[in-house]
Structure formats: structure tokens, C-alpha cells
Amino acid sequence: MKPLQPISSKLRISLGILFFVVFFAGWSFATFGGFVSRTFLADPITMLKDGWWLLSERHFLGDIGITVWRVVGGFVLASLIAVPVGIAMGAYKPVEALLEPFVSFARYLPASAFVPLLILWAGIGEMQKLLVIFIGAVFQIILMVAVYVANTRRDLVEAAYTLGASDTGIVRRVLLPASAPDIAETLRLVLGWAWTYVIVAELIGASSGIGYMIINSQALMATGQIIFGIIVIGVIGLISDLAFKFANRFLFAWRFA
């Protein structure tokens, strides 16, 4: 291995699969070998049986669907507001001076701390869940987008001015195309964070969703169900992440050539 030396796609996939094989082998060894009590950590077979029971008897697909809807809804709402604000902050220094102190302050506030207030303001319905995700994602997206836009190469901007571009033309024809791949990558990363926020939202005041199932399983000490719910989140997150990567490579093929 050499630093930053690329590897083939086949080797990358093989190494990724190898890690999961080793992980499940270690898990099986710890539980079937009696090194960890199955009361506190279910073995893989028990986890699969509990997962099948959840899907076939407890309509867990409905919980998965409502959680995915909450993640997508809160994330899209945050993106629709954060991306334009971030572009404005990165492109115009007065806007940055006005908003950056507050955004920098707000992004350190944990979304989970807002749950009691959001329950008071919005009740325990879907709006409260969406707002938790919104608060957790919007400030992160704003700052990251602003940084990427502000870091656009100055020679590109100066060349555009030399060719007669207007101020709005600079934003539309230079800043946005130059930073678009990085903005898309930012959205991909923050979508992963949104999954952590939705589980926090569903742990309190929810009657459906993956987080609701997990907290109920905790009361029953059903660790197999808890692990299955966690794995489902990971699988959905991995699928969405791969879809985002594929879309980014398709839209910005020149960046990944």
C-alpha cells in the first residue's frame, strides 16, 4: 500500500465485503461461543428470526416507510433553505458577516436538546419529527456550502469579469458550476447525519418508526430486534449513500474522471 494510491473497483468491493464477513464472524464467535450473554447481545440467527417476525407479524415495513419519509422530508426541507443561504453567504461577504456568527453558534446546538421545546410547539405529530431533522441538518449544510462557494478559484472569477460577466452572472455561471460537485457531496454527507436525528426524534413521543420499535424492544430486552432495527438503518443509509454517489458521478462526471 502507498499513500493516496488508487485501487481497482473490484478490490475495493472485495475489501468492503471482507470487513462485513470478519465483523459477523467475530459477532458469531462472541455469542455462540458463550463469551457474551445472549440476554445482552443476541446472536446473528436470533437477530434474523426476530427481524423476520417484525416484518411478517408486526408490520415493520410500515415503520421503515414512515422513518424514511421523515428523513427525506426533513432533509429536503433543510436543503431547500440551506443551499441558497449558503450560496449567498459564500458569494457575498456582507451576507456572510451578517449570518455566519449565528449559524456558527447554532450548528453546535444538539438537535436532541430541542425535542422538548418542539413537542411543546408542534406537538408529537410528524411536524415535530421533521423539525428535529431540519434543525440538525440546516446549519451544517449552510456553513459547508458557504465554504465551498467562497473557495472558488479567483482566476475563474477574474476571467469571467474580463469577458464581461455581470455580478449575477458570476454567481450563476462561475460560482455555482464550480462548487456544485462539492455541494452535492455535502448533501450526501449530511443525509447520513439526518438518520441519527430521526432516531432521536422517534425515541420520544412517537407511535411509529424504527426508533419507536427500538425503544419498545429495549423495554422487553429484545436485543435481536434492536440490532435488526439498527442494521436496517445502516442498510438503507448505505443504499442512499451509493445512490447519491452514483448520481454525483453521473452529474459531475468531469470531476471524477
Protein backbone atom coordinates (compact mmCIF):
# COMPACT_ATOMS: atom_id res chain seq x y z
CA MET A 1 0.00 0.00 0.00
CA LYS A 2 1.13 3.52 -0.83
CA PRO A 3 -0.44 6.81 0.35
CA LEU A 4 -3.22 8.01 -1.98
CA GLN A 5 -2.53 5.25 -4.49
CA PRO A 6 -5.83 4.27 -6.18
CA ILE A 7 -7.11 0.69 -6.22
CA SER A 8 -9.37 -1.13 -8.63
CA SER A 9 -13.13 -1.21 -8.18
CA LYS A 10 -13.03 -4.99 -7.82
CA LEU A 11 -10.52 -4.82 -4.97
CA ARG A 12 -12.48 -2.03 -3.29
CA ILE A 13 -15.68 -4.09 -3.31
CA SER A 14 -13.85 -7.20 -2.12
CA LEU A 15 -12.27 -5.37 0.82
CA GLY A 16 -15.61 -3.83 1.76
CA ILE A 17 -17.28 -7.25 1.79
CA LEU A 18 -14.35 -8.73 3.72
CA PHE A 19 -14.87 -6.30 6.59
CA PHE A 20 -18.52 -7.35 7.00
CA VAL A 21 -17.53 -11.03 6.87
CA VAL A 22 -14.96 -10.51 9.63
CA PHE A 23 -17.43 -8.44 11.66
CA PHE A 24 -20.18 -11.06 11.56
CA ALA A 25 -17.67 -13.83 12.23
CA GLY A 26 -16.49 -12.03 15.35
CA TRP A 27 -20.07 -11.39 16.44
CA SER A 28 -20.96 -15.07 15.95
CA PHE A 29 -17.85 -16.20 17.81
CA ALA A 30 -18.64 -13.95 20.79
CA THR A 31 -22.28 -15.02 21.09
CA PHE A 32 -22.27 -18.68 20.04
CA GLY A 33 -19.04 -19.25 21.95
CA GLY A 34 -20.66 -18.07 25.16
CA PHE A 35 -18.27 -15.16 25.70
CA VAL A 36 -21.20 -12.69 25.76
CA SER A 37 -24.60 -13.42 27.28
CA ARG A 38 -27.32 -13.59 24.63
CA THR A 39 -29.54 -11.69 27.04
CA PHE A 40 -27.45 -8.61 26.37
CA LEU A 41 -26.34 -9.36 22.81
CA ALA A 42 -28.41 -11.58 20.55
CA ASP A 43 -26.63 -13.89 18.14
CA PRO A 44 -27.00 -13.37 14.37
CA ILE A 45 -29.54 -16.18 13.92
CA THR A 46 -31.77 -14.85 16.70
CA MET A 47 -31.49 -11.39 15.18
CA LEU A 48 -32.63 -12.70 11.80
CA LYS A 49 -35.54 -14.61 13.38
CA ASP A 50 -36.62 -11.52 15.30
CA GLY A 51 -36.30 -9.44 12.15
CA TRP A 52 -38.50 -11.83 10.19
CA TRP A 53 -41.06 -11.76 12.99
CA LEU A 54 -41.09 -7.96 12.92
CA LEU A 55 -41.58 -7.91 9.15
CA SER A 56 -44.21 -10.65 8.99
CA GLU A 57 -46.15 -10.13 12.22
CA ARG A 58 -45.56 -6.56 13.38
CA HIS A 59 -45.79 -4.75 10.02
CA PHE A 60 -42.28 -3.36 10.42
CA LEU A 61 -42.21 -2.33 6.76
CA GLY A 62 -44.68 0.40 7.70
CA ASP A 63 -42.31 1.65 10.40
CA ILE A 64 -39.45 1.63 7.91
CA GLY A 65 -41.52 3.58 5.40
CA ILE A 66 -42.55 6.29 7.87
CA THR A 67 -38.96 6.72 9.07
CA VAL A 68 -37.68 7.05 5.50
CA TRP A 69 -40.39 9.62 4.81
CA ARG A 70 -39.37 11.63 7.88
CA VAL A 71 -35.71 11.59 6.91
CA VAL A 72 -36.38 12.61 3.32
CA GLY A 73 -38.92 15.25 4.32
CA GLY A 74 -36.73 16.93 6.94
CA PHE A 75 -33.62 16.68 4.78
CA VAL A 76 -35.29 18.14 1.68
CA LEU A 77 -36.77 20.98 3.75
CA ALA A 78 -33.35 21.76 5.22
CA SER A 79 -31.66 21.59 1.81
CA LEU A 80 -34.18 23.91 0.14
CA ILE A 81 -33.39 26.59 2.71
CA ALA A 82 -29.74 25.90 3.46
CA VAL A 83 -28.32 25.65 -0.06
CA PRO A 84 -29.48 29.12 -1.24
CA VAL A 85 -28.47 30.70 2.06
CA GLY A 86 -25.07 29.01 1.92
CA ILE A 87 -24.53 30.18 -1.66
CA ALA A 88 -25.41 33.74 -0.67
CA MET A 89 -23.03 33.60 2.30
CA GLY A 90 -20.21 32.25 0.19
CA ALA A 91 -20.72 34.70 -2.67
CA TYR A 92 -21.41 37.93 -0.77
CA LYS A 93 -19.25 38.97 2.18
CA PRO A 94 -21.89 41.26 3.77
CA VAL A 95 -24.31 38.31 3.91
CA GLU A 96 -21.55 36.19 5.44
CA ALA A 97 -20.80 38.87 8.05
CA LEU A 98 -24.49 39.05 8.93
CA LEU A 99 -25.28 35.34 9.20
CA GLU A 100 -22.04 33.49 9.90
CA PRO A 101 -21.86 34.24 13.67
CA PHE A 102 -25.39 32.98 14.26
CA VAL A 103 -25.02 29.93 12.00
CA SER A 104 -21.70 29.01 13.64
CA PHE A 105 -23.37 29.31 17.05
CA ALA A 106 -26.48 27.34 16.05
CA ARG A 107 -24.65 24.42 14.46
CA TYR A 108 -23.21 23.47 17.85
CA LEU A 109 -26.65 23.16 19.41
CA PRO A 110 -27.63 19.45 19.55
CA ALA A 111 -30.89 18.72 17.77
CA SER A 112 -31.90 16.40 20.60
CA ALA A 113 -31.94 19.35 23.01
CA PHE A 114 -34.78 20.90 21.02
CA VAL A 115 -37.06 17.86 21.31
CA PRO A 116 -38.88 19.04 24.49
CA LEU A 117 -39.44 22.51 23.01
CA LEU A 118 -40.56 21.11 19.67
CA ILE A 119 -43.08 18.87 21.41
CA LEU A 120 -44.49 21.99 23.12
CA TRP A 121 -44.52 23.98 19.89
CA ALA A 122 -45.55 21.35 17.34
CA GLY A 123 -46.96 18.50 19.42
CA ILE A 124 -45.91 14.89 18.91
CA GLY A 125 -47.01 14.66 15.29
CA GLU A 126 -44.98 14.49 12.12
CA MET A 127 -44.04 18.18 12.15
CA GLN A 128 -42.04 17.70 15.35
CA LYS A 129 -40.04 14.85 13.76
CA LEU A 130 -39.37 16.88 10.62
CA LEU A 131 -38.23 19.89 12.62
CA VAL A 132 -35.71 17.83 14.60
CA ILE A 133 -34.11 16.68 11.35
CA PHE A 134 -34.35 20.19 9.92
CA ILE A 135 -32.55 21.76 12.90
CA GLY A 136 -29.90 19.07 12.88
CA ALA A 137 -29.12 19.45 9.17
CA VAL A 138 -29.80 23.02 8.07
CA PHE A 139 -26.95 24.84 9.82
CA GLN A 140 -24.38 22.21 8.85
CA ILE A 141 -25.37 22.48 5.19
CA ILE A 142 -25.30 26.29 5.23
CA LEU A 143 -21.74 26.52 6.52
CA MET A 144 -20.34 23.77 4.33
CA VAL A 145 -21.95 25.17 1.18
CA ALA A 146 -20.72 28.68 2.06
CA VAL A 147 -17.14 27.42 2.45
CA TYR A 148 -17.15 25.64 -0.90
CA VAL A 149 -18.62 28.62 -2.76
CA ALA A 150 -16.18 31.04 -1.12
CA ASN A 151 -13.24 28.81 -2.11
CA THR A 152 -13.98 29.08 -5.83
CA ARG A 153 -10.79 29.82 -7.74
CA ARG A 154 -10.29 33.58 -8.04
CA ASP A 155 -8.78 33.30 -11.51
CA LEU A 156 -12.07 31.90 -12.83
CA VAL A 157 -13.97 34.85 -11.37
CA GLU A 158 -11.50 37.38 -12.74
CA ALA A 159 -11.58 35.75 -16.17
CA ALA A 160 -15.37 35.95 -16.21
CA TYR A 161 -15.27 39.64 -15.30
CA THR A 162 -12.73 40.22 -18.06
CA LEU A 163 -15.13 38.63 -20.54
CA GLY A 164 -17.91 40.97 -19.44
CA ALA A 165 -19.87 38.89 -16.94
CA SER A 166 -22.21 40.69 -14.55
CA ASP A 167 -22.30 40.14 -10.79
CA THR A 168 -25.28 37.80 -11.03
CA GLY A 169 -23.61 36.11 -13.98
CA ILE A 170 -20.57 35.39 -11.83
CA VAL A 171 -22.76 33.58 -9.31
CA ARG A 172 -24.80 31.75 -11.93
CA ARG A 173 -22.09 30.88 -14.46
CA VAL A 174 -18.94 30.58 -12.31
CA LEU A 175 -19.56 30.06 -8.59
CA LEU A 176 -22.42 27.57 -8.91
CA PRO A 177 -20.86 25.31 -11.57
CA ALA A 178 -17.50 25.32 -9.78
CA SER A 179 -18.93 24.41 -6.37
CA ALA A 180 -21.83 22.19 -7.48
CA PRO A 181 -19.93 18.87 -7.07
CA ASP A 182 -18.85 19.84 -3.55
CA ILE A 183 -22.38 20.97 -2.67
CA ALA A 184 -23.73 17.61 -3.84
CA GLU A 185 -21.11 15.83 -1.74
CA THR A 186 -22.11 17.95 1.26
CA LEU A 187 -25.72 16.88 0.85
CA ARG A 188 -24.65 13.26 0.68
CA LEU A 189 -22.76 13.54 3.96
CA VAL A 190 -25.48 15.43 5.81
CA LEU A 191 -28.11 12.92 4.69
CA GLY A 192 -26.22 10.37 6.79
CA TRP A 193 -26.41 12.67 9.78
CA ALA A 194 -30.15 13.07 9.25
CA TRP A 195 -30.62 9.40 10.08
CA THR A 196 -29.20 9.94 13.55
CA TYR A 197 -31.56 12.85 14.13
CA VAL A 198 -34.69 10.94 13.10
CA ILE A 199 -33.97 8.15 15.58
CA VAL A 200 -33.59 10.74 18.33
CA ALA A 201 -36.94 12.23 17.30
CA GLU A 202 -38.64 8.84 17.32
CA LEU A 203 -37.34 7.84 20.72
CA ILE A 204 -39.61 10.44 22.37
CA GLY A 205 -43.28 10.99 21.63
CA ALA A 206 -43.55 8.64 18.66
CA SER A 207 -46.04 5.88 17.89
CA SER A 208 -44.36 4.54 14.76
CA GLY A 209 -40.99 4.32 13.07
CA ILE A 210 -37.76 2.40 13.54
CA GLY A 211 -36.77 4.39 16.62
CA TYR A 212 -40.16 3.66 18.19
CA MET A 213 -39.62 -0.06 17.63
CA ILE A 214 -36.13 0.12 19.11
CA ILE A 215 -37.25 1.83 22.32
CA ASN A 216 -40.09 -0.68 22.75
CA SER A 217 -37.67 -3.56 22.21
CA GLN A 218 -35.38 -2.11 24.87
CA ALA A 219 -38.19 -2.37 27.43
CA LEU A 220 -38.58 -6.06 26.51
CA MET A 221 -34.80 -6.63 26.42
CA ALA A 222 -35.28 -7.92 22.88
CA THR A 223 -31.74 -7.24 21.72
CA GLY A 224 -32.29 -9.16 18.50
CA GLN A 225 -34.99 -6.71 17.46
CA ILE A 226 -32.85 -3.74 18.46
CA ILE A 227 -29.91 -4.99 16.41
CA PHE A 228 -32.16 -5.73 13.44
CA GLY A 229 -33.53 -2.18 13.55
CA ILE A 230 -30.00 -0.76 13.68
CA ILE A 231 -28.93 -2.93 10.75
CA VAL A 232 -31.96 -1.84 8.73
CA ILE A 233 -30.97 1.79 9.28
CA GLY A 234 -27.45 1.01 8.15
CA VAL A 235 -28.61 -0.83 5.03
CA ILE A 236 -30.98 1.96 4.00
CA GLY A 237 -28.27 4.53 4.69
CA LEU A 238 -25.77 2.56 2.60
CA ILE A 239 -28.22 2.29 -0.29
CA SER A 240 -28.97 6.02 -0.19
CA ASP A 241 -25.27 6.81 0.04
CA LEU A 242 -24.46 4.67 -3.00
CA ALA A 243 -27.36 6.23 -4.91
CA PHE A 244 -26.04 9.71 -4.06
CA LYS A 245 -22.54 8.74 -5.18
CA PHE A 246 -23.86 7.34 -8.45
CA ALA A 247 -25.92 10.47 -9.10
CA ASN A 248 -22.93 12.71 -8.32
CA ARG A 249 -20.69 10.75 -10.67
CA PHE A 250 -23.33 10.93 -13.38
CA LEU A 251 -24.00 14.64 -12.99
CA PHE A 252 -20.37 15.67 -12.49
CA ALA A 253 -18.53 13.03 -14.48
CA TRP A 254 -15.78 15.51 -15.35
CA ARG A 255 -14.95 15.84 -11.64
CA PHE A 256 -14.41 12.10 -11.18
CA ALA A 257 -12.64 11.40 -14.46
